[in-house]
Amino acid sequence: MSPTRPRHVVAVLTFPGVQLLDVAGPAEVFTTANAYGARYDVRVVSAAAGPVATSAQVRLDAAGSWEDLPARLGTLVVPGRRDWREAVADPALVAGTAALAGRARRVASVCAGAFMLAETGLLDGRRAATHWRLARELALAYPGVTVETDALFVRDGNVVTSAGVTAGIDLALALVEEDHGPDVAREVARELVVFMARPGGQSQFSARLTLRESTHPVVRQVMDVVGADPGADHDLTALARRAGVSVRHLSRLFRAHTGMTVGRYAESIRLEAAQALLEASGEPVDTVAARAGFGSAETMRRAFQNTLGISPTVYRARFRTTVPG
């Protein structure tokens, strides 16, 4: 008989204010996998054993402290908390995370847990994901990290980072597949009634256009004109004339202050308008396309596919109502 395979220790870190689902989602995936042949030893740990208050006001009972873990870990999972600054301001938590990461074969973070990994220096020079609301903050706070804003999870070497909250389930399923193959991961997904691979990235969930923060008067004026009537014909020459500048100067200003062209910005505003119409009304897709300024349903479909990874019809089905069918 062949010797029994050693158990793969998965340490899931907890700390005050931790997002409950960041912890529970991956833990449930790994423990469910054990019913289909995996050998995960899932341990929820904190700096000290005992109850930990979570973001949902539910207390998690950390069965042990991180001092009780074995010398070598299979996987370390680092969840986040809504106020990531509070987490990274705790030197003991940062030091403990860094020490555990050094003992793990691979390290994973969920949502704002990426900030903790970045604070330890583990993400320096790496690509990473986090919640779409926090992507810009991660990039600004840790310029050594290349933040991928649309990905549900990103692997760079032995470090895997996921997008917001439930994306930790997507990440954990991918790790189960890596360890035990697609059949086991598929059974876990079926058991938990989730997608094995969620269609589309997190852009389909994100609020649009944080670029509206621009304060340059010319850029601000053009943004306001486009935003006031997305369906209008926003010709670059007409917009420049209205702003009292040349086409060349407007193009240069807009790119410098937003990182995109006027045309790309107008398309983004139209996309946002179309999303709102699809969510709130039952109008035909052709009508939505016309009202949002796309001109045709096909043009709108390409914009949705290129930006969100899904069609307008699928977007409406996902975000208009919770009522099936």
C-alpha atoms as a PDB file:
ATOM      1  CA  MET A   1       0.000   0.000   0.000  1.00  0.00           C
ATOM      2  CA  SER A   2       1.156   3.532  -0.773  1.00  0.00           C
ATOM      3  CA  PRO A   3       1.613   5.811   2.224  1.00  0.00           C
ATOM      4  CA  THR A   4      -1.219   8.219   3.010  1.00  0.00           C
ATOM      5  CA  ARG A   5      -0.725  11.608   1.442  1.00  0.00           C
ATOM      6  CA  PRO A   6       0.115  14.286   4.013  1.00  0.00           C
ATOM      7  CA  ARG A   7      -2.602  16.816   4.658  1.00  0.00           C
ATOM      8  CA  HIS A   8      -2.266  20.211   2.998  1.00  0.00           C
ATOM      9  CA  VAL A   9      -2.481  22.825   5.754  1.00  0.00           C
ATOM     10  CA  VAL A  10      -4.548  25.871   4.761  1.00  0.00           C
ATOM     11  CA  ALA A  11      -4.152  28.674   7.288  1.00  0.00           C
ATOM     12  CA  VAL A  12      -6.866  31.347   7.047  1.00  0.00           C
ATOM     13  CA  LEU A  13      -5.879  34.451   8.960  1.00  0.00           C
ATOM     14  CA  THR A  14      -8.402  36.419  11.027  1.00  0.00           C
ATOM     15  CA  PHE A  15      -8.131  39.706  12.892  1.00  0.00           C
ATOM     16  CA  PRO A  16     -10.535  42.323  14.303  1.00  0.00           C
ATOM     17  CA  GLY A  17     -12.827  43.801  11.637  1.00  0.00           C
ATOM     18  CA  VAL A  18     -12.088  41.109   9.067  1.00  0.00           C
ATOM     19  CA  GLN A  19     -14.667  40.638   6.308  1.00  0.00           C
ATOM     20  CA  LEU A  20     -16.629  37.545   7.331  1.00  0.00           C
ATOM     21  CA  LEU A  21     -17.120  36.207   3.789  1.00  0.00           C
ATOM     22  CA  ASP A  22     -13.427  36.714   2.972  1.00  0.00           C
ATOM     23  CA  VAL A  23     -12.772  34.051   5.615  1.00  0.00           C
ATOM     24  CA  ALA A  24     -15.815  31.813   5.218  1.00  0.00           C
ATOM     25  CA  GLY A  25     -15.861  31.620   1.402  1.00  0.00           C
ATOM     26  CA  PRO A  26     -12.394  30.104   0.829  1.00  0.00           C
ATOM     27  CA  ALA A  27     -12.630  27.996   4.001  1.00  0.00           C
ATOM     28  CA  GLU A  28     -15.884  26.449   2.757  1.00  0.00           C
ATOM     29  CA  VAL A  29     -14.370  25.670  -0.653  1.00  0.00           C
ATOM     30  CA  PHE A  30     -11.376  23.864   0.816  1.00  0.00           C
ATOM     31  CA  THR A  31     -13.376  21.907   3.386  1.00  0.00           C
ATOM     32  CA  THR A  32     -15.980  20.923   0.766  1.00  0.00           C
ATOM     33  CA  ALA A  33     -13.179  19.628  -1.454  1.00  0.00           C
ATOM     34  CA  ASN A  34     -12.334  17.103   1.261  1.00  0.00           C
ATOM     35  CA  ALA A  35     -15.605  15.309   0.471  1.00  0.00           C
ATOM     36  CA  TYR A  36     -14.273  14.693  -3.051  1.00  0.00           C
ATOM     37  CA  GLY A  37     -10.830  13.325  -2.271  1.00  0.00           C
ATOM     38  CA  ALA A  38      -8.813  16.360  -1.178  1.00  0.00           C
ATOM     39  CA  ARG A  39      -6.856  16.379   2.067  1.00  0.00           C
ATOM     40  CA  TYR A  40      -6.990  19.970   3.297  1.00  0.00           C
ATOM     41  CA  ASP A  41      -6.423  20.741   6.948  1.00  0.00           C
ATOM     42  CA  VAL A  42      -8.176  24.111   7.199  1.00  0.00           C
ATOM     43  CA  ARG A  43      -7.235  26.160  10.231  1.00  0.00           C
ATOM     44  CA  VAL A  44      -8.720  29.561  11.046  1.00  0.00           C
ATOM     45  CA  VAL A  45      -6.104  31.345  13.136  1.00  0.00           C
ATOM     46  CA  SER A  46      -5.434  34.731  14.671  1.00  0.00           C
ATOM     47  CA  ALA A  47      -2.721  36.316  16.788  1.00  0.00           C
ATOM     48  CA  ALA A  48      -4.310  34.606  19.791  1.00  0.00           C
ATOM     49  CA  ALA A  49      -6.886  31.827  20.043  1.00  0.00           C
ATOM     50  CA  GLY A  50     -10.425  32.897  20.802  1.00  0.00           C
ATOM     51  CA  PRO A  51     -13.303  34.945  19.364  1.00  0.00           C
ATOM     52  CA  VAL A  52     -12.628  37.575  16.703  1.00  0.00           C
ATOM     53  CA  ALA A  53     -15.192  40.267  15.868  1.00  0.00           C
ATOM     54  CA  THR A  54     -15.854  40.438  12.115  1.00  0.00           C
ATOM     55  CA  SER A  55     -17.300  43.125   9.846  1.00  0.00           C
ATOM     56  CA  ALA A  56     -20.738  41.479  10.072  1.00  0.00           C
ATOM     57  CA  GLN A  57     -20.773  41.625  13.892  1.00  0.00           C
ATOM     58  CA  VAL A  58     -20.490  37.839  13.882  1.00  0.00           C
ATOM     59  CA  ARG A  59     -17.708  36.472  16.039  1.00  0.00           C
ATOM     60  CA  LEU A  60     -15.402  33.868  14.574  1.00  0.00           C
ATOM     61  CA  ASP A  61     -13.821  31.449  16.997  1.00  0.00           C
ATOM     62  CA  ALA A  62     -10.194  31.154  15.982  1.00  0.00           C
ATOM     63  CA  ALA A  63      -9.371  27.616  17.068  1.00  0.00           C
ATOM     64  CA  GLY A  64      -5.729  28.487  17.542  1.00  0.00           C
ATOM     65  CA  SER A  65      -3.108  31.190  17.227  1.00  0.00           C
ATOM     66  CA  TRP A  66      -0.676  31.364  14.349  1.00  0.00           C
ATOM     67  CA  GLU A  67       1.984  30.192  16.806  1.00  0.00           C
ATOM     68  CA  ASP A  68       0.229  26.804  16.869  1.00  0.00           C
ATOM     69  CA  LEU A  69       0.674  26.230  13.121  1.00  0.00           C
ATOM     70  CA  PRO A  70       3.230  23.756  11.774  1.00  0.00           C
ATOM     71  CA  ALA A  71       6.566  25.015  10.488  1.00  0.00           C
ATOM     72  CA  ARG A  72       5.514  24.600   6.852  1.00  0.00           C
ATOM     73  CA  LEU A  73       2.149  25.617   5.419  1.00  0.00           C
ATOM     74  CA  GLY A  74       0.552  24.604   2.167  1.00  0.00           C
ATOM     75  CA  THR A  75      -1.508  27.764   1.663  1.00  0.00           C
ATOM     76  CA  LEU A  76      -1.852  30.992   3.606  1.00  0.00           C
ATOM     77  CA  VAL A  77      -5.102  32.910   2.973  1.00  0.00           C
ATOM     78  CA  VAL A  78      -5.073  36.583   4.002  1.00  0.00           C
ATOM     79  CA  PRO A  79      -8.545  38.187   4.030  1.00  0.00           C
ATOM     80  CA  GLY A  80      -9.205  41.919   4.240  1.00  0.00           C
ATOM     81  CA  ARG A  81     -11.180  44.446   6.223  1.00  0.00           C
ATOM     82  CA  ARG A  82     -13.151  47.370   4.838  1.00  0.00           C
ATOM     83  CA  ASP A  83     -10.829  49.919   6.438  1.00  0.00           C
ATOM     84  CA  TRP A  84      -7.575  48.485   5.124  1.00  0.00           C
ATOM     85  CA  ARG A  85      -5.571  51.297   6.732  1.00  0.00           C
ATOM     86  CA  GLU A  86      -6.497  49.999  10.174  1.00  0.00           C
ATOM     87  CA  ALA A  87      -5.196  46.558   9.259  1.00  0.00           C
ATOM     88  CA  VAL A  88      -1.852  47.680   7.826  1.00  0.00           C
ATOM     89  CA  ALA A  89      -1.344  50.067  10.768  1.00  0.00           C
ATOM     90  CA  ASP A  90      -1.082  47.059  13.126  1.00  0.00           C
ATOM     91  CA  PRO A  91       2.655  46.229  13.190  1.00  0.00           C
ATOM     92  CA  ALA A  92       2.125  42.890  14.950  1.00  0.00           C
ATOM     93  CA  LEU A  93      -0.405  41.807  12.315  1.00  0.00           C
ATOM     94  CA  VAL A  94       1.865  42.875   9.453  1.00  0.00           C
ATOM     95  CA  ALA A  95       4.864  41.103  10.995  1.00  0.00           C
ATOM     96  CA  GLY A  96       2.814  37.978  11.684  1.00  0.00           C
ATOM     97  CA  THR A  97       1.500  37.910   8.123  1.00  0.00           C
ATOM     98  CA  ALA A  98       5.007  38.302   6.718  1.00  0.00           C
ATOM     99  CA  ALA A  99       6.313  35.469   8.912  1.00  0.00           C
ATOM    100  CA  LEU A 100       3.478  33.124   7.916  1.00  0.00           C
ATOM    101  CA  ALA A 101       3.931  33.983   4.232  1.00  0.00           C
ATOM    102  CA  GLY A 102       7.566  32.989   4.496  1.00  0.00           C
ATOM    103  CA  ARG A 103       6.520  29.536   5.724  1.00  0.00           C
ATOM    104  CA  ALA A 104       3.841  28.934   3.052  1.00  0.00           C
ATOM    105  CA  ARG A 105       4.191  27.184  -0.306  1.00  0.00           C
ATOM    106  CA  ARG A 106       1.739  29.695  -1.734  1.00  0.00           C
ATOM    107  CA  VAL A 107       0.059  32.823  -0.429  1.00  0.00           C
ATOM    108  CA  ALA A 108      -3.412  34.077  -1.339  1.00  0.00           C
ATOM    109  CA  SER A 109      -5.279  37.247  -0.455  1.00  0.00           C
ATOM    110  CA  VAL A 110      -8.973  38.067  -0.709  1.00  0.00           C
ATOM    111  CA  CYS A 111     -10.294  41.547  -1.442  1.00  0.00           C
ATOM    112  CA  ALA A 112      -8.497  44.151   0.725  1.00  0.00           C
ATOM    113  CA  GLY A 113      -6.131  41.446   1.967  1.00  0.00           C
ATOM    114  CA  ALA A 114      -3.934  42.571  -0.949  1.00  0.00           C
ATOM    115  CA  PHE A 115      -3.064  45.681   1.075  1.00  0.00           C
ATOM    116  CA  MET A 116      -1.681  43.508   3.854  1.00  0.00           C
ATOM    117  CA  LEU A 117       0.474  41.567   1.405  1.00  0.00           C
ATOM    118  CA  ALA A 118       1.618  44.830  -0.178  1.00  0.00           C
ATOM    119  CA  GLU A 119       2.524  46.215   3.250  1.00  0.00           C
ATOM    120  CA  THR A 120       4.769  43.205   3.887  1.00  0.00           C
ATOM    121  CA  GLY A 121       6.527  43.867   0.559  1.00  0.00           C
ATOM    122  CA  LEU A 122       5.351  40.571  -0.884  1.00  0.00           C
ATOM    123  CA  LEU A 123       3.637  42.266  -3.838  1.00  0.00           C
ATOM    124  CA  ASP A 124       6.556  44.467  -4.848  1.00  0.00           C
ATOM    125  CA  GLY A 125       7.146  43.984  -8.567  1.00  0.00           C
ATOM    126  CA  ARG A 126       4.119  41.699  -8.857  1.00  0.00           C
ATOM    127  CA  ARG A 127       0.716  41.919 -10.528  1.00  0.00           C
ATOM    128  CA  ALA A 128      -2.237  41.893  -8.143  1.00  0.00           C
ATOM    129  CA  ALA A 129      -6.011  42.228  -7.878  1.00  0.00           C
ATOM    130  CA  THR A 130      -8.280  43.665  -5.227  1.00  0.00           C
ATOM    131  CA  HIS A 131     -11.869  44.928  -4.953  1.00  0.00           C
ATOM    132  CA  TRP A 132     -12.711  47.284  -7.835  1.00  0.00           C
ATOM    133  CA  ARG A 133     -13.454  50.094  -5.369  1.00  0.00           C
ATOM    134  CA  LEU A 134      -9.967  49.756  -3.901  1.00  0.00           C
ATOM    135  CA  ALA A 135      -7.880  49.229  -7.043  1.00  0.00           C
ATOM    136  CA  ARG A 136      -6.885  52.883  -7.381  1.00  0.00           C
ATOM    137  CA  GLU A 137      -6.050  53.124  -3.668  1.00  0.00           C
ATOM    138  CA  LEU A 138      -3.817  50.048  -3.886  1.00  0.00           C
ATOM    139  CA  ALA A 139      -1.981  51.464  -6.897  1.00  0.00           C
ATOM    140  CA  LEU A 140      -1.454  54.850  -5.185  1.00  0.00           C
ATOM    141  CA  ALA A 141      -0.486  53.470  -1.774  1.00  0.00           C
ATOM    142  CA  TYR A 142       1.892  50.839  -3.187  1.00  0.00           C
ATOM    143  CA  PRO A 143       3.335  52.032  -6.515  1.00  0.00           C
ATOM    144  CA  GLY A 144       5.536  48.941  -6.746  1.00  0.00           C
ATOM    145  CA  VAL A 145       2.411  46.833  -7.355  1.00  0.00           C
ATOM    146  CA  THR A 146       0.871  46.461 -10.828  1.00  0.00           C
ATOM    147  CA  VAL A 147      -2.858  46.471 -10.137  1.00  0.00           C
ATOM    148  CA  GLU A 148      -5.121  44.637 -12.581  1.00  0.00           C
ATOM    149  CA  THR A 149      -8.534  46.242 -12.254  1.00  0.00           C
ATOM    150  CA  ASP A 150     -10.762  43.739 -14.079  1.00  0.00           C
ATOM    151  CA  ALA A 151      -9.379  40.363 -13.003  1.00  0.00           C
ATOM    152  CA  LEU A 152     -11.284  38.197 -10.520  1.00  0.00           C
ATOM    153  CA  PHE A 153      -7.942  36.842  -9.356  1.00  0.00           C
ATOM    154  CA  VAL A 154      -4.323  37.193 -10.433  1.00  0.00           C
ATOM    155  CA  ARG A 155      -1.485  34.734  -9.979  1.00  0.00           C
ATOM    156  CA  ASP A 156       2.106  35.969  -9.978  1.00  0.00           C
ATOM    157  CA  GLY A 157       4.573  33.298  -8.919  1.00  0.00           C
ATOM    158  CA  ASN A 158       3.416  31.706  -5.678  1.00  0.00           C
ATOM    159  CA  VAL A 159       1.185  34.667  -4.787  1.00  0.00           C
ATOM    160  CA  VAL A 160      -2.497  34.787  -5.788  1.00  0.00           C
ATOM    161  CA  THR A 161      -4.678  37.820  -5.113  1.00  0.00           C
ATOM    162  CA  SER A 162      -8.427  38.073  -5.681  1.00  0.00           C
ATOM    163  CA  ALA A 163     -10.988  40.778  -6.311  1.00  0.00           C
ATOM    164  CA  GLY A 164     -13.720  41.654  -3.846  1.00  0.00           C
ATOM    165  CA  VAL A 165     -15.316  39.407  -1.249  1.00  0.00           C
ATOM    166  CA  THR A 166     -17.007  36.521  -3.113  1.00  0.00           C
ATOM    167  CA  ALA A 167     -14.131  36.434  -5.613  1.00  0.00           C
ATOM    168  CA  GLY A 168     -12.304  34.594  -2.823  1.00  0.00           C
ATOM    169  CA  ILE A 169     -14.499  31.626  -3.731  1.00  0.00           C
ATOM    170  CA  ASP A 170     -13.354  31.850  -7.368  1.00  0.00           C
ATOM    171  CA  LEU A 171      -9.747  31.984  -6.189  1.00  0.00           C
ATOM    172  CA  ALA A 172     -10.125  28.998  -3.847  1.00  0.00           C
ATOM    173  CA  LEU A 173     -11.773  26.916  -6.592  1.00  0.00           C
ATOM    174  CA  ALA A 174      -8.815  27.684  -8.864  1.00  0.00           C
ATOM    175  CA  LEU A 175      -6.408  26.511  -6.152  1.00  0.00           C
ATOM    176  CA  VAL A 176      -8.402  23.309  -5.658  1.00  0.00           C
ATOM    177  CA  GLU A 177      -8.218  22.693  -9.398  1.00  0.00           C
ATOM    178  CA  GLU A 178      -4.472  23.313  -9.315  1.00  0.00           C
ATOM    179  CA  ASP A 179      -4.075  20.762  -6.523  1.00  0.00           C
ATOM    180  CA  HIS A 180      -6.602  18.103  -7.557  1.00  0.00           C
ATOM    181  CA  GLY A 181      -7.705  18.782 -11.125  1.00  0.00           C
ATOM    182  CA  PRO A 182     -10.878  20.170 -12.717  1.00  0.00           C
ATOM    183  CA  ASP A 183     -13.143  17.264 -11.763  1.00  0.00           C
ATOM    184  CA  VAL A 184     -12.781  17.895  -8.036  1.00  0.00           C
ATOM    185  CA  ALA A 185     -13.116  21.664  -8.486  1.00  0.00           C
ATOM    186  CA  ARG A 186     -16.242  21.109 -10.588  1.00  0.00           C
ATOM    187  CA  GLU A 187     -17.837  18.957  -7.875  1.00  0.00           C
ATOM    188  CA  VAL A 188     -17.100  21.612  -5.264  1.00  0.00           C
ATOM    189  CA  ALA A 189     -18.626  24.315  -7.483  1.00  0.00           C
ATOM    190  CA  ARG A 190     -21.733  22.189  -7.971  1.00  0.00           C
ATOM    191  CA  GLU A 191     -22.027  21.511  -4.257  1.00  0.00           C
ATOM    192  CA  LEU A 192     -21.782  25.226  -3.433  1.00  0.00           C
ATOM    193  CA  VAL A 193     -24.010  26.211  -6.385  1.00  0.00           C
ATOM    194  CA  VAL A 194     -21.490  28.638  -7.866  1.00  0.00           C
ATOM    195  CA  PHE A 195     -19.820  29.068 -11.241  1.00  0.00           C
ATOM    196  CA  MET A 196     -16.662  27.023 -11.638  1.00  0.00           C
ATOM    197  CA  ALA A 197     -15.386  29.938 -13.726  1.00  0.00           C
ATOM    198  CA  ARG A 198     -17.476  33.080 -13.356  1.00  0.00           C
ATOM    199  CA  PRO A 199     -18.178  34.655 -16.767  1.00  0.00           C
ATOM    200  CA  GLY A 200     -16.696  38.123 -17.225  1.00  0.00           C
ATOM    201  CA  GLY A 201     -14.416  40.139 -14.971  1.00  0.00           C
ATOM    202  CA  GLN A 202     -15.257  42.457 -12.080  1.00  0.00           C
ATOM    203  CA  SER A 203     -15.775  45.461 -14.387  1.00  0.00           C
ATOM    204  CA  GLN A 204     -19.372  44.291 -14.826  1.00  0.00           C
ATOM    205  CA  PHE A 205     -19.923  44.989 -11.111  1.00  0.00           C
ATOM    206  CA  SER A 206     -17.984  48.233 -10.765  1.00  0.00           C
ATOM    207  CA  ALA A 207     -19.312  51.758 -10.628  1.00  0.00           C
ATOM    208  CA  ARG A 208     -18.169  53.619 -13.686  1.00  0.00           C
ATOM    209  CA  LEU A 209     -15.724  56.442 -14.169  1.00  0.00           C
ATOM    210  CA  THR A 210     -13.855  57.644 -11.121  1.00  0.00           C
ATOM    211  CA  LEU A 211     -12.234  59.943 -13.739  1.00  0.00           C
ATOM    212  CA  ARG A 212     -14.924  62.510 -12.978  1.00  0.00           C
ATOM    213  CA  GLU A 213     -12.643  63.783 -10.239  1.00  0.00           C
ATOM    214  CA  SER A 214     -10.748  65.946 -12.785  1.00  0.00           C
ATOM    215  CA  THR A 215     -10.753  69.626 -11.769  1.00  0.00           C
ATOM    216  CA  HIS A 216      -9.171  71.191 -14.869  1.00  0.00           C
ATOM    217  CA  PRO A 217     -11.805  73.718 -16.051  1.00  0.00           C
ATOM    218  CA  VAL A 218     -11.667  72.768 -19.745  1.00  0.00           C
ATOM    219  CA  VAL A 219     -11.677  69.022 -19.083  1.00  0.00           C
ATOM    220  CA  ARG A 220     -14.389  69.461 -16.459  1.00  0.00           C
ATOM    221  CA  GLN A 221     -16.551  71.421 -18.917  1.00  0.00           C
ATOM    222  CA  VAL A 222     -16.272  68.751 -21.618  1.00  0.00           C
ATOM    223  CA  MET A 223     -17.039  65.997 -19.092  1.00  0.00           C
ATOM    224  CA  ASP A 224     -20.144  67.878 -17.960  1.00  0.00           C
ATOM    225  CA  VAL A 225     -21.356  68.380 -21.545  1.00  0.00           C
ATOM    226  CA  VAL A 226     -20.947  64.691 -22.409  1.00  0.00           C
ATOM    227  CA  GLY A 227     -22.453  63.541 -19.116  1.00  0.00           C
ATOM    228  CA  ALA A 228     -25.489  65.809 -19.432  1.00  0.00           C
ATOM    229  CA  ASP A 229     -26.588  64.147 -22.680  1.00  0.00           C
ATOM    230  CA  PRO A 230     -24.791  60.862 -23.492  1.00  0.00           C
ATOM    231  CA  GLY A 231     -27.035  60.287 -26.511  1.00  0.00           C
ATOM    232  CA  ALA A 232     -25.979  63.463 -28.309  1.00  0.00           C
ATOM    233  CA  ASP A 233     -23.437  63.547 -31.144  1.00  0.00           C
ATOM    234  CA  HIS A 234     -20.330  64.631 -29.234  1.00  0.00           C
ATOM    235  CA  ASP A 235     -18.141  65.594 -32.175  1.00  0.00           C
ATOM    236  CA  LEU A 236     -14.599  66.459 -31.071  1.00  0.00           C
ATOM    237  CA  THR A 237     -14.531  69.667 -33.136  1.00  0.00           C
ATOM    238  CA  ALA A 238     -17.817  70.884 -31.645  1.00  0.00           C
ATOM    239  CA  LEU A 239     -16.680  70.078 -28.097  1.00  0.00           C
ATOM    240  CA  ALA A 240     -13.399  71.943 -28.631  1.00  0.00           C
ATOM    241  CA  ARG A 241     -15.239  74.968 -30.051  1.00  0.00           C
ATOM    242  CA  ARG A 242     -17.604  74.988 -27.099  1.00  0.00           C
ATOM    243  CA  ALA A 243     -14.663  74.835 -24.665  1.00  0.00           C
ATOM    244  CA  GLY A 244     -12.886  77.653 -26.531  1.00  0.00           C
ATOM    245  CA  VAL A 245      -9.754  75.631 -27.391  1.00  0.00           C
ATOM    246  CA  SER A 246      -8.332  73.901 -30.447  1.00  0.00           C
ATOM    247  CA  VAL A 247      -9.028  70.246 -31.157  1.00  0.00           C
ATOM    248  CA  ARG A 248      -5.357  69.462 -30.669  1.00  0.00           C
ATOM    249  CA  HIS A 249      -5.186  71.295 -27.330  1.00  0.00           C
ATOM    250  CA  LEU A 250      -8.365  69.632 -26.051  1.00  0.00           C
ATOM    251  CA  SER A 251      -7.092  66.193 -27.036  1.00  0.00           C
ATOM    252  CA  ARG A 252      -3.776  66.836 -25.290  1.00  0.00           C
ATOM    253  CA  LEU A 253      -5.443  68.213 -22.140  1.00  0.00           C
ATOM    254  CA  PHE A 254      -7.964  65.402 -21.905  1.00  0.00           C
ATOM    255  CA  ARG A 255      -5.390  62.662 -22.261  1.00  0.00           C
ATOM    256  CA  ALA A 256      -3.075  64.326 -19.722  1.00  0.00           C
ATOM    257  CA  HIS A 257      -5.819  64.660 -17.099  1.00  0.00           C
ATOM    258  CA  THR A 258      -7.787  61.454 -17.646  1.00  0.00           C
ATOM    259  CA  GLY A 259      -5.443  59.051 -19.412  1.00  0.00           C
ATOM    260  CA  MET A 260      -7.932  58.544 -22.261  1.00  0.00           C
ATOM    261  CA  THR A 261      -9.199  60.261 -25.371  1.00  0.00           C
ATOM    262  CA  VAL A 262     -12.381  62.328 -25.502  1.00  0.00           C
ATOM    263  CA  GLY A 263     -13.946  59.658 -27.716  1.00  0.00           C
ATOM    264  CA  ARG A 264     -13.115  56.893 -25.261  1.00  0.00           C
ATOM    265  CA  TYR A 265     -14.560  58.935 -22.419  1.00  0.00           C
ATOM    266  CA  ALA A 266     -17.770  59.552 -24.362  1.00  0.00           C
ATOM    267  CA  GLU A 267     -18.081  55.814 -25.014  1.00  0.00           C
ATOM    268  CA  SER A 268     -17.620  55.119 -21.306  1.00  0.00           C
ATOM    269  CA  ILE A 269     -20.370  57.591 -20.416  1.00  0.00           C
ATOM    270  CA  ARG A 270     -22.634  55.990 -23.007  1.00  0.00           C
ATOM    271  CA  LEU A 271     -21.848  52.565 -21.588  1.00  0.00           C
ATOM    272  CA  GLU A 272     -22.825  53.764 -18.132  1.00  0.00           C
ATOM    273  CA  ALA A 273     -26.068  55.220 -19.493  1.00  0.00           C
ATOM    274  CA  ALA A 274     -26.857  51.955 -21.277  1.00  0.00           C
ATOM    275  CA  GLN A 275     -26.188  49.965 -18.094  1.00  0.00           C
ATOM    276  CA  ALA A 276     -28.641  52.160 -16.170  1.00  0.00           C
ATOM    277  CA  LEU A 277     -31.302  51.806 -18.874  1.00  0.00           C
ATOM    278  CA  LEU A 278     -30.882  48.034 -19.054  1.00  0.00           C
ATOM    279  CA  GLU A 279     -31.188  47.751 -15.276  1.00  0.00           C
ATOM    280  CA  ALA A 280     -34.193  50.047 -14.896  1.00  0.00           C
ATOM    281  CA  SER A 281     -36.323  49.480 -17.990  1.00  0.00           C
ATOM    282  CA  GLY A 282     -37.673  46.767 -20.229  1.00  0.00           C
ATOM    283  CA  GLU A 283     -36.988  48.731 -23.409  1.00  0.00           C
ATOM    284  CA  PRO A 284     -35.673  46.750 -26.390  1.00  0.00           C
ATOM    285  CA  VAL A 285     -31.899  46.670 -26.776  1.00  0.00           C
ATOM    286  CA  ASP A 286     -32.165  48.713 -30.018  1.00  0.00           C
ATOM    287  CA  THR A 287     -33.991  51.473 -28.142  1.00  0.00           C
ATOM    288  CA  VAL A 288     -31.462  51.445 -25.306  1.00  0.00           C
ATOM    289  CA  ALA A 289     -28.608  51.693 -27.833  1.00  0.00           C
ATOM    290  CA  ALA A 290     -30.213  54.696 -29.509  1.00  0.00           C
ATOM    291  CA  ARG A 291     -31.000  56.495 -26.244  1.00  0.00           C
ATOM    292  CA  ALA A 292     -27.485  55.916 -24.911  1.00  0.00           C
ATOM    293  CA  GLY A 293     -25.909  57.305 -28.078  1.00  0.00           C
ATOM    294  CA  PHE A 294     -24.441  54.133 -29.550  1.00  0.00           C
ATOM    295  CA  GLY A 295     -26.348  54.440 -32.812  1.00  0.00           C
ATOM    296  CA  SER A 296     -26.897  50.723 -33.215  1.00  0.00           C
ATOM    297  CA  ALA A 297     -27.340  47.658 -31.055  1.00  0.00           C
ATOM    298  CA  GLU A 298     -24.266  46.079 -32.653  1.00  0.00           C
ATOM    299  CA  THR A 299     -22.046  49.046 -31.699  1.00  0.00           C
ATOM    300  CA  MET A 300     -23.362  48.831 -28.134  1.00  0.00           C
ATOM    301  CA  ARG A 301     -22.826  45.068 -28.051  1.00  0.00           C
ATOM    302  CA  ARG A 302     -19.167  45.516 -29.062  1.00  0.00           C
ATOM    303  CA  ALA A 303     -18.651  48.145 -26.361  1.00  0.00           C
ATOM    304  CA  PHE A 304     -20.154  45.862 -23.701  1.00  0.00           C
ATOM    305  CA  GLN A 305     -18.126  42.887 -24.888  1.00  0.00           C
ATOM    306  CA  ASN A 306     -14.858  44.829 -25.046  1.00  0.00           C
ATOM    307  CA  THR A 307     -15.267  46.527 -21.664  1.00  0.00           C
ATOM    308  CA  LEU A 308     -17.347  44.157 -19.537  1.00  0.00           C
ATOM    309  CA  GLY A 309     -16.799  40.835 -21.280  1.00  0.00           C
ATOM    310  CA  ILE A 310     -20.540  40.181 -21.624  1.00  0.00           C
ATOM    311  CA  SER A 311     -23.366  41.213 -23.966  1.00  0.00           C
ATOM    312  CA  PRO A 312     -26.058  43.819 -23.106  1.00  0.00           C
ATOM    313  CA  THR A 313     -28.678  41.060 -22.935  1.00  0.00           C
ATOM    314  CA  VAL A 314     -26.631  39.040 -20.441  1.00  0.00           C
ATOM    315  CA  TYR A 315     -25.898  42.195 -18.431  1.00  0.00           C
ATOM    316  CA  ARG A 316     -29.623  42.926 -18.150  1.00  0.00           C
ATOM    317  CA  ALA A 317     -30.349  39.343 -17.068  1.00  0.00           C
ATOM    318  CA  ARG A 318     -27.752  39.564 -14.298  1.00  0.00           C
ATOM    319  CA  PHE A 319     -28.441  42.991 -12.878  1.00  0.00           C
ATOM    320  CA  ARG A 320     -32.064  43.950 -13.485  1.00  0.00           C
ATOM    321  CA  THR A 321     -33.766  41.749 -10.893  1.00  0.00           C
ATOM    322  CA  THR A 322     -33.228  38.828  -8.528  1.00  0.00           C
ATOM    323  CA  VAL A 323     -36.406  37.156  -9.852  1.00  0.00           C
ATOM    324  CA  PRO A 324     -35.451  34.108 -12.005  1.00  0.00           C
ATOM    325  CA  GLY A 325     -36.291  34.033 -15.679  1.00  0.00           C
END
